[in-house]
PDB file of all heavy atoms in Angstrom:
ATOM      1  N   LYS A   1       0.858  -1.204   0.021  1.00  0.00           N
ATOM      2  CA  LYS A   1       0.062  -0.038  -0.022  1.00  0.00           C
ATOM      3  C   LYS A   1       0.873   1.192   0.009  1.00  0.00           C
ATOM      4  O   LYS A   1       1.828   1.258   0.808  1.00  0.00           O
ATOM      5  CB  LYS A   1      -0.885   0.024   1.222  1.00  0.00           C
ATOM      6  CG  LYS A   1      -1.801   1.182   1.428  1.00  0.00           C
ATOM      7  CD  LYS A   1      -2.637   1.059   2.659  1.00  0.00           C
ATOM      8  CE  LYS A   1      -3.463   2.226   2.918  1.00  0.00           C
ATOM      9  NZ  LYS A   1      -4.182   2.245   4.243  1.00  0.00           N
ATOM     10  N   GLU A   2       0.624   2.158  -0.862  1.00  0.00           N
ATOM     11  CA  GLU A   2       1.514   3.355  -1.091  1.00  0.00           C
ATOM     12  C   GLU A   2       1.808   4.114   0.264  1.00  0.00           C
ATOM     13  O   GLU A   2       3.003   4.339   0.510  1.00  0.00           O
ATOM     14  CB  GLU A   2       0.870   4.371  -2.034  1.00  0.00           C
ATOM     15  CG  GLU A   2       1.767   5.506  -2.411  1.00  0.00           C
ATOM     16  CD  GLU A   2       1.149   6.391  -3.318  1.00  0.00           C
ATOM     17  OE1 GLU A   2      -0.068   6.160  -3.747  1.00  0.00           O
ATOM     18  OE2 GLU A   2       1.768   7.438  -3.797  1.00  0.00           O
ATOM     19  N   THR A   3       0.775   4.329   1.064  1.00  0.00           N
ATOM     20  CA  THR A   3       1.126   5.081   2.293  1.00  0.00           C
ATOM     21  C   THR A   3       1.766   4.291   3.481  1.00  0.00           C
ATOM     22  O   THR A   3       2.128   4.879   4.402  1.00  0.00           O
ATOM     23  CB  THR A   3      -0.165   5.704   2.846  1.00  0.00           C
ATOM     24  OG1 THR A   3      -1.189   4.568   3.059  1.00  0.00           O
ATOM     25  CG2 THR A   3      -0.786   6.644   1.866  1.00  0.00           C
ATOM     26  N   ASP A   4       1.991   2.939   3.175  1.00  0.00           N
ATOM     27  CA  ASP A   4       2.668   2.185   4.200  1.00  0.00           C
ATOM     28  C   ASP A   4       4.221   2.296   4.056  1.00  0.00           C
ATOM     29  O   ASP A   4       4.953   1.809   4.950  1.00  0.00           O
ATOM     30  CB  ASP A   4       2.276   0.727   4.089  1.00  0.00           C
ATOM     31  CG  ASP A   4       0.904   0.454   4.678  1.00  0.00           C
ATOM     32  OD1 ASP A   4       0.388   1.371   5.417  1.00  0.00           O
ATOM     33  OD2 ASP A   4       0.338  -0.597   4.501  1.00  0.00           O
ATOM     34  N   LEU A   5       4.645   2.850   2.993  1.00  0.00           N
ATOM     35  CA  LEU A   5       6.073   2.980   2.697  1.00  0.00           C
ATOM     36  C   LEU A   5       6.570   4.407   2.669  1.00  0.00           C
ATOM     37  O   LEU A   5       5.806   5.289   2.175  1.00  0.00           O
ATOM     38  CB  LEU A   5       6.428   2.244   1.369  1.00  0.00           C
ATOM     39  CG  LEU A   5       6.069   0.717   1.204  1.00  0.00           C
ATOM     40  CD1 LEU A   5       6.489   0.248  -0.120  1.00  0.00           C
ATOM     41  CD2 LEU A   5       6.692  -0.071   2.309  1.00  0.00           C
ATOM     42  N   SER A   6       7.701   4.687   3.106  1.00  0.00           N
ATOM     43  CA  SER A   6       8.332   5.947   2.841  1.00  0.00           C
ATOM     44  C   SER A   6       8.813   6.058   1.427  1.00  0.00           C
ATOM     45  O   SER A   6       8.888   5.093   0.686  1.00  0.00           O
ATOM     46  CB  SER A   6       9.521   6.167   3.759  1.00  0.00           C
ATOM     47  OG  SER A   6      10.568   5.246   3.389  1.00  0.00           O
ATOM     48  N   GLU A   7       9.045   7.211   0.995  1.00  0.00           N
ATOM     49  CA  GLU A   7       9.526   7.456  -0.396  1.00  0.00           C
ATOM     50  C   GLU A   7      10.844   6.755  -0.634  1.00  0.00           C
ATOM     51  O   GLU A   7      11.035   6.150  -1.645  1.00  0.00           O
ATOM     52  CB  GLU A   7       9.680   8.945  -0.711  1.00  0.00           C
ATOM     53  CG  GLU A   7       9.900   9.263  -2.188  1.00  0.00           C
ATOM     54  CD  GLU A   7       8.718   8.835  -3.025  1.00  0.00           C
ATOM     55  OE1 GLU A   7       7.557   8.807  -2.537  1.00  0.00           O
ATOM     56  OE2 GLU A   7       8.989   8.591  -4.190  1.00  0.00           O
ATOM     57  N   ALA A   8      11.706   6.694   0.430  1.00  0.00           N
ATOM     58  CA  ALA A   8      12.977   5.993   0.247  1.00  0.00           C
ATOM     59  C   ALA A   8      12.723   4.487   0.087  1.00  0.00           C
ATOM     60  O   ALA A   8      13.392   3.797  -0.707  1.00  0.00           O
ATOM     61  CB  ALA A   8      13.844   6.280   1.459  1.00  0.00           C
ATOM     62  N   GLU A   9      11.758   3.973   0.894  1.00  0.00           N
ATOM     63  CA  GLU A   9      11.426   2.558   0.672  1.00  0.00           C
ATOM     64  C   GLU A   9      10.850   2.238  -0.658  1.00  0.00           C
ATOM     65  O   GLU A   9      11.126   1.088  -1.229  1.00  0.00           O
ATOM     66  CB  GLU A   9      10.455   2.149   1.842  1.00  0.00           C
ATOM     67  CG  GLU A   9      11.113   2.113   3.216  1.00  0.00           C
ATOM     68  CD  GLU A   9      10.085   1.887   4.359  1.00  0.00           C
ATOM     69  OE1 GLU A   9       9.026   2.408   4.210  1.00  0.00           O
ATOM     70  OE2 GLU A   9      10.463   1.250   5.335  1.00  0.00           O
ATOM     71  N   ILE A  10       9.947   3.187  -1.205  1.00  0.00           N
ATOM     72  CA  ILE A  10       9.388   2.899  -2.510  1.00  0.00           C
ATOM     73  C   ILE A  10      10.528   2.884  -3.536  1.00  0.00           C
ATOM     74  O   ILE A  10      10.566   1.925  -4.364  1.00  0.00           O
ATOM     75  CB  ILE A  10       8.354   4.042  -2.800  1.00  0.00           C
ATOM     76  CG1 ILE A  10       7.098   3.849  -1.964  1.00  0.00           C
ATOM     77  CG2 ILE A  10       8.004   3.966  -4.267  1.00  0.00           C
ATOM     78  CD1 ILE A  10       6.217   5.013  -2.037  1.00  0.00           C
ATOM     79  N   ARG A  11      11.482   3.768  -3.451  1.00  0.00           N
ATOM     80  CA  ARG A  11      12.490   3.858  -4.401  1.00  0.00           C
ATOM     81  C   ARG A  11      13.482   2.590  -4.306  1.00  0.00           C
ATOM     82  O   ARG A  11      13.928   2.094  -5.253  1.00  0.00           O
ATOM     83  CB  ARG A  11      13.319   5.085  -4.361  1.00  0.00           C
ATOM     84  CG  ARG A  11      12.431   6.332  -4.780  1.00  0.00           C
ATOM     85  CD  ARG A  11      13.137   7.531  -5.143  1.00  0.00           C
ATOM     86  NE  ARG A  11      12.257   8.509  -5.666  1.00  0.00           N
ATOM     87  CZ  ARG A  11      12.522   9.385  -6.574  1.00  0.00           C
ATOM     88  NH1 ARG A  11      13.718   9.435  -7.136  1.00  0.00           N
ATOM     89  NH2 ARG A  11      11.607  10.311  -7.063  1.00  0.00           N
ATOM     90  N   ALA A  12      13.607   2.175  -3.036  1.00  0.00           N
ATOM     91  CA  ALA A  12      14.467   0.954  -2.830  1.00  0.00           C
ATOM     92  C   ALA A  12      13.785  -0.203  -3.531  1.00  0.00           C
ATOM     93  O   ALA A  12      14.438  -1.095  -4.178  1.00  0.00           O
ATOM     94  CB  ALA A  12      14.653   0.662  -1.448  1.00  0.00           C
ATOM     95  N   ASN A  13      12.423  -0.381  -3.366  1.00  0.00           N
ATOM     96  CA  ASN A  13      11.760  -1.499  -3.992  1.00  0.00           C
ATOM     97  C   ASN A  13      11.802  -1.378  -5.601  1.00  0.00           C
ATOM     98  O   ASN A  13      11.809  -2.416  -6.217  1.00  0.00           O
ATOM     99  CB  ASN A  13      10.295  -1.537  -3.515  1.00  0.00           C
ATOM    100  CG  ASN A  13      10.191  -2.303  -2.235  1.00  0.00           C
ATOM    101  OD1 ASN A  13      10.424  -3.572  -2.125  1.00  0.00           O
ATOM    102  ND2 ASN A  13       9.944  -1.532  -1.159  1.00  0.00           N
ATOM    103  N   ILE A  14      11.688  -0.128  -6.052  1.00  0.00           N
ATOM    104  CA  ILE A  14      11.799   0.069  -7.494  1.00  0.00           C
ATOM    105  C   ILE A  14      13.184  -0.322  -7.968  1.00  0.00           C
ATOM    106  O   ILE A  14      13.343  -1.136  -9.004  1.00  0.00           O
ATOM    107  CB  ILE A  14      11.583   1.551  -7.913  1.00  0.00           C
ATOM    108  CG1 ILE A  14      10.108   1.895  -7.662  1.00  0.00           C
ATOM    109  CG2 ILE A  14      11.944   1.751  -9.327  1.00  0.00           C
ATOM    110  CD1 ILE A  14       9.756   3.344  -7.858  1.00  0.00           C
ATOM    111  N   ALA A  15      14.176   0.007  -7.255  1.00  0.00           N
ATOM    112  CA  ALA A  15      15.571  -0.480  -7.583  1.00  0.00           C
ATOM    113  C   ALA A  15      15.731  -1.940  -7.646  1.00  0.00           C
ATOM    114  O   ALA A  15      16.546  -2.475  -8.378  1.00  0.00           O
ATOM    115  CB  ALA A  15      16.531   0.233  -6.646  1.00  0.00           C
ATOM    116  N   ASN A  16      15.067  -2.623  -6.750  1.00  0.00           N
ATOM    117  CA  ASN A  16      15.233  -4.129  -6.589  1.00  0.00           C
ATOM    118  C   ASN A  16      14.320  -4.928  -7.452  1.00  0.00           C
ATOM    119  O   ASN A  16      14.301  -6.177  -7.391  1.00  0.00           O
ATOM    120  CB  ASN A  16      14.965  -4.493  -5.082  1.00  0.00           C
ATOM    121  CG  ASN A  16      16.103  -3.985  -4.133  1.00  0.00           C
ATOM    122  OD1 ASN A  16      17.282  -3.945  -4.651  1.00  0.00           O
ATOM    123  ND2 ASN A  16      15.802  -3.746  -2.978  1.00  0.00           N
ATOM    124  N   CYS A  17      13.402  -4.274  -8.255  1.00  0.00           N
ATOM    125  CA  CYS A  17      12.536  -4.993  -9.140  1.00  0.00           C
ATOM    126  C   CYS A  17      12.964  -4.944 -10.542  1.00  0.00           C
ATOM    127  O   CYS A  17      13.868  -4.227 -11.018  1.00  0.00           O
ATOM    128  CB  CYS A  17      11.049  -4.496  -8.978  1.00  0.00           C
ATOM    129  SG  CYS A  17      10.780  -2.953  -9.856  1.00  0.00           S
ATOM    130  N   ASP A  18      12.262  -5.819 -11.411  1.00  0.00           N
ATOM    131  CA  ASP A  18      12.464  -5.768 -12.792  1.00  0.00           C
ATOM    132  C   ASP A  18      11.260  -5.019 -13.418  1.00  0.00           C
ATOM    133  O   ASP A  18      11.374  -4.309 -14.497  1.00  0.00           O
ATOM    134  CB  ASP A  18      12.477  -7.186 -13.349  1.00  0.00           C
ATOM    135  CG  ASP A  18      13.714  -7.918 -12.928  1.00  0.00           C
ATOM    136  OD1 ASP A  18      14.791  -7.474 -13.152  1.00  0.00           O
ATOM    137  OD2 ASP A  18      13.595  -9.026 -12.247  1.00  0.00           O
ATOM    138  N   VAL A  19      10.041  -5.202 -12.840  1.00  0.00           N
ATOM    139  CA  VAL A  19       8.838  -4.599 -13.341  1.00  0.00           C
ATOM    140  C   VAL A  19       8.138  -3.792 -12.200  1.00  0.00           C
ATOM    141  O   VAL A  19       7.855  -4.411 -11.105  1.00  0.00           O
ATOM    142  CB  VAL A  19       7.871  -5.543 -13.888  1.00  0.00           C
ATOM    143  CG1 VAL A  19       6.660  -4.919 -14.532  1.00  0.00           C
ATOM    144  CG2 VAL A  19       8.623  -6.372 -14.901  1.00  0.00           C
ATOM    145  N   PHE A  20       7.845  -2.495 -12.407  1.00  0.00           N
ATOM    146  CA  PHE A  20       7.183  -1.744 -11.454  1.00  0.00           C
ATOM    147  C   PHE A  20       5.717  -1.591 -11.911  1.00  0.00           C
ATOM    148  O   PHE A  20       5.463  -0.886 -12.898  1.00  0.00           O
ATOM    149  CB  PHE A  20       7.903  -0.405 -11.336  1.00  0.00           C
ATOM    150  CG  PHE A  20       7.264   0.682 -10.458  1.00  0.00           C
ATOM    151  CD1 PHE A  20       6.609   0.277  -9.316  1.00  0.00           C
ATOM    152  CD2 PHE A  20       7.306   1.984 -10.815  1.00  0.00           C
ATOM    153  CE1 PHE A  20       6.060   1.240  -8.524  1.00  0.00           C
ATOM    154  CE2 PHE A  20       6.710   2.946 -10.043  1.00  0.00           C
ATOM    155  CZ  PHE A  20       6.101   2.616  -8.839  1.00  0.00           C
ATOM    156  N   LEU A  21       4.810  -2.008 -11.168  1.00  0.00           N
ATOM    157  CA  LEU A  21       3.430  -1.918 -11.472  1.00  0.00           C
ATOM    158  C   LEU A  21       2.753  -0.949 -10.389  1.00  0.00           C
ATOM    159  O   LEU A  21       2.916  -1.217  -9.188  1.00  0.00           O
ATOM    160  CB  LEU A  21       2.625  -3.176 -11.429  1.00  0.00           C
ATOM    161  CG  LEU A  21       3.210  -4.290 -12.401  1.00  0.00           C
ATOM    162  CD1 LEU A  21       3.995  -5.253 -11.674  1.00  0.00           C
ATOM    163  CD2 LEU A  21       2.031  -5.036 -13.022  1.00  0.00           C
ATOM    164  N   PHE A  22       2.154   0.125 -10.853  1.00  0.00           N
ATOM    165  CA  PHE A  22       1.579   1.103  -9.833  1.00  0.00           C
ATOM    166  C   PHE A  22       0.122   1.381 -10.242  1.00  0.00           C
ATOM    167  O   PHE A  22      -0.267   1.563 -11.356  1.00  0.00           O
ATOM    168  CB  PHE A  22       2.371   2.384  -9.793  1.00  0.00           C
ATOM    169  CG  PHE A  22       2.300   3.254 -10.984  1.00  0.00           C
ATOM    170  CD1 PHE A  22       1.514   4.327 -11.019  1.00  0.00           C
ATOM    171  CD2 PHE A  22       3.101   3.003 -12.114  1.00  0.00           C
ATOM    172  CE1 PHE A  22       1.367   5.058 -12.196  1.00  0.00           C
ATOM    173  CE2 PHE A  22       2.952   3.740 -13.310  1.00  0.00           C
ATOM    174  CZ  PHE A  22       2.155   4.836 -13.327  1.00  0.00           C
ATOM    175  N   GLY A  23      -0.725   1.471  -9.164  1.00  0.00           N
ATOM    176  CA  GLY A  23      -2.126   1.736  -9.376  1.00  0.00           C
ATOM    177  C   GLY A  23      -2.511   3.151  -9.015  1.00  0.00           C
ATOM    178  O   GLY A  23      -1.843   3.711  -8.047  1.00  0.00           O
ATOM    179  N   THR A  24      -3.527   3.663  -9.618  1.00  0.00           N
ATOM    180  CA  THR A  24      -4.041   5.017  -9.270  1.00  0.00           C
ATOM    181  C   THR A  24      -5.565   4.923  -9.055  1.00  0.00           C
ATOM    182  O   THR A  24      -6.206   3.984  -9.629  1.00  0.00           O
ATOM    183  CB  THR A  24      -3.734   6.119 -10.329  1.00  0.00           C
ATOM    184  OG1 THR A  24      -4.268   5.684 -11.582  1.00  0.00           O
ATOM    185  CG2 THR A  24      -2.230   6.300 -10.391  1.00  0.00           C
ATOM    186  N   LEU A  25      -6.118   5.803  -8.300  1.00  0.00           N
ATOM    187  CA  LEU A  25      -7.542   5.839  -8.039  1.00  0.00           C
ATOM    188  C   LEU A  25      -8.165   7.149  -8.282  1.00  0.00           C
ATOM    189  O   LEU A  25      -8.911   7.753  -7.514  1.00  0.00           O
ATOM    190  CB  LEU A  25      -7.759   5.535  -6.552  1.00  0.00           C
ATOM    191  CG  LEU A  25      -7.828   4.103  -6.112  1.00  0.00           C
ATOM    192  CD1 LEU A  25      -8.172   3.985  -4.582  1.00  0.00           C
ATOM    193  CD2 LEU A  25      -8.877   3.381  -6.901  1.00  0.00           C
ATOM    194  N   SER A  26      -7.906   7.691  -9.459  1.00  0.00           N
ATOM    195  CA  SER A  26      -8.388   9.053  -9.786  1.00  0.00           C
ATOM    196  C   SER A  26      -9.963   8.988 -10.135  1.00  0.00           C
ATOM    197  O   SER A  26     -10.386   8.032 -10.704  1.00  0.00           O
ATOM    198  CB  SER A  26      -7.665   9.614 -11.031  1.00  0.00           C
ATOM    199  OG  SER A  26      -6.255   9.787 -10.655  1.00  0.00           O
ATOM    200  N   THR A  27     -10.624  10.079  -9.701  1.00  0.00           N
ATOM    201  CA  THR A  27     -11.998  10.176 -10.117  1.00  0.00           C
ATOM    202  C   THR A  27     -12.240  10.887 -11.387  1.00  0.00           C
ATOM    203  O   THR A  27     -13.280  10.781 -12.069  1.00  0.00           O
ATOM    204  CB  THR A  27     -12.840  10.847  -9.023  1.00  0.00           C
ATOM    205  OG1 THR A  27     -12.291  12.141  -8.751  1.00  0.00           O
ATOM    206  CG2 THR A  27     -12.756  10.000  -7.744  1.00  0.00           C
ATOM    207  N   SER A  28     -11.322  11.844 -11.702  1.00  0.00           N
ATOM    208  CA  SER A  28     -11.490  12.649 -12.892  1.00  0.00           C
ATOM    209  C   SER A  28     -10.200  13.191 -13.392  1.00  0.00           C
ATOM    210  O   SER A  28      -9.176  12.798 -12.920  1.00  0.00           O
ATOM    211  CB  SER A  28     -12.463  13.833 -12.584  1.00  0.00           C
ATOM    212  OG  SER A  28     -11.892  14.673 -11.496  1.00  0.00           O
ATOM    213  N   PHE A  29     -10.285  14.056 -14.372  1.00  0.00           N
ATOM    214  CA  PHE A  29      -9.105  14.447 -15.165  1.00  0.00           C
ATOM    215  C   PHE A  29      -8.946  16.039 -15.004  1.00  0.00           C
ATOM    216  O   PHE A  29      -9.871  16.740 -15.044  1.00  0.00           O
ATOM    217  CB  PHE A  29      -9.464  14.125 -16.641  1.00  0.00           C
ATOM    218  CG  PHE A  29      -8.522  14.811 -17.596  1.00  0.00           C
ATOM    219  CD1 PHE A  29      -7.191  14.386 -17.833  1.00  0.00           C
ATOM    220  CD2 PHE A  29      -8.957  15.996 -18.328  1.00  0.00           C
ATOM    221  CE1 PHE A  29      -6.360  14.973 -18.711  1.00  0.00           C
ATOM    222  CE2 PHE A  29      -8.108  16.551 -19.265  1.00  0.00           C
ATOM    223  CZ  PHE A  29      -6.880  16.117 -19.516  1.00  0.00           C
ATOM    224  N   THR A  30      -7.650  16.379 -14.840  1.00  0.00           N
ATOM    225  CA  THR A  30      -7.382  17.808 -14.811  1.00  0.00           C
ATOM    226  C   THR A  30      -6.244  18.030 -15.835  1.00  0.00           C
ATOM    227  O   THR A  30      -5.171  17.420 -15.753  1.00  0.00           O
ATOM    228  CB  THR A  30      -6.837  18.258 -13.433  1.00  0.00           C
ATOM    229  OG1 THR A  30      -7.823  18.033 -12.459  1.00  0.00           O
ATOM    230  CG2 THR A  30      -6.508  19.769 -13.443  1.00  0.00           C
ATOM    231  N   PRO A  31      -6.424  18.942 -16.795  1.00  0.00           N
ATOM    232  CA  PRO A  31      -5.425  19.175 -17.809  1.00  0.00           C
ATOM    233  C   PRO A  31      -4.272  19.794 -17.224  1.00  0.00           C
ATOM    234  O   PRO A  31      -4.356  20.710 -16.382  1.00  0.00           O
ATOM    235  CB  PRO A  31      -6.154  20.085 -18.839  1.00  0.00           C
ATOM    236  CG  PRO A  31      -7.156  20.815 -18.019  1.00  0.00           C
ATOM    237  CD  PRO A  31      -7.653  19.768 -17.027  1.00  0.00           C
TER     238      PRO A  31
END
């Protein structure tokens, strides 16, 4: 879950993976 990790932990996991899959929950669009 995004808020369970610090930004440093997120980047560490990105560095240690081959594929980064991320989800978003937007309701609408802002140009």
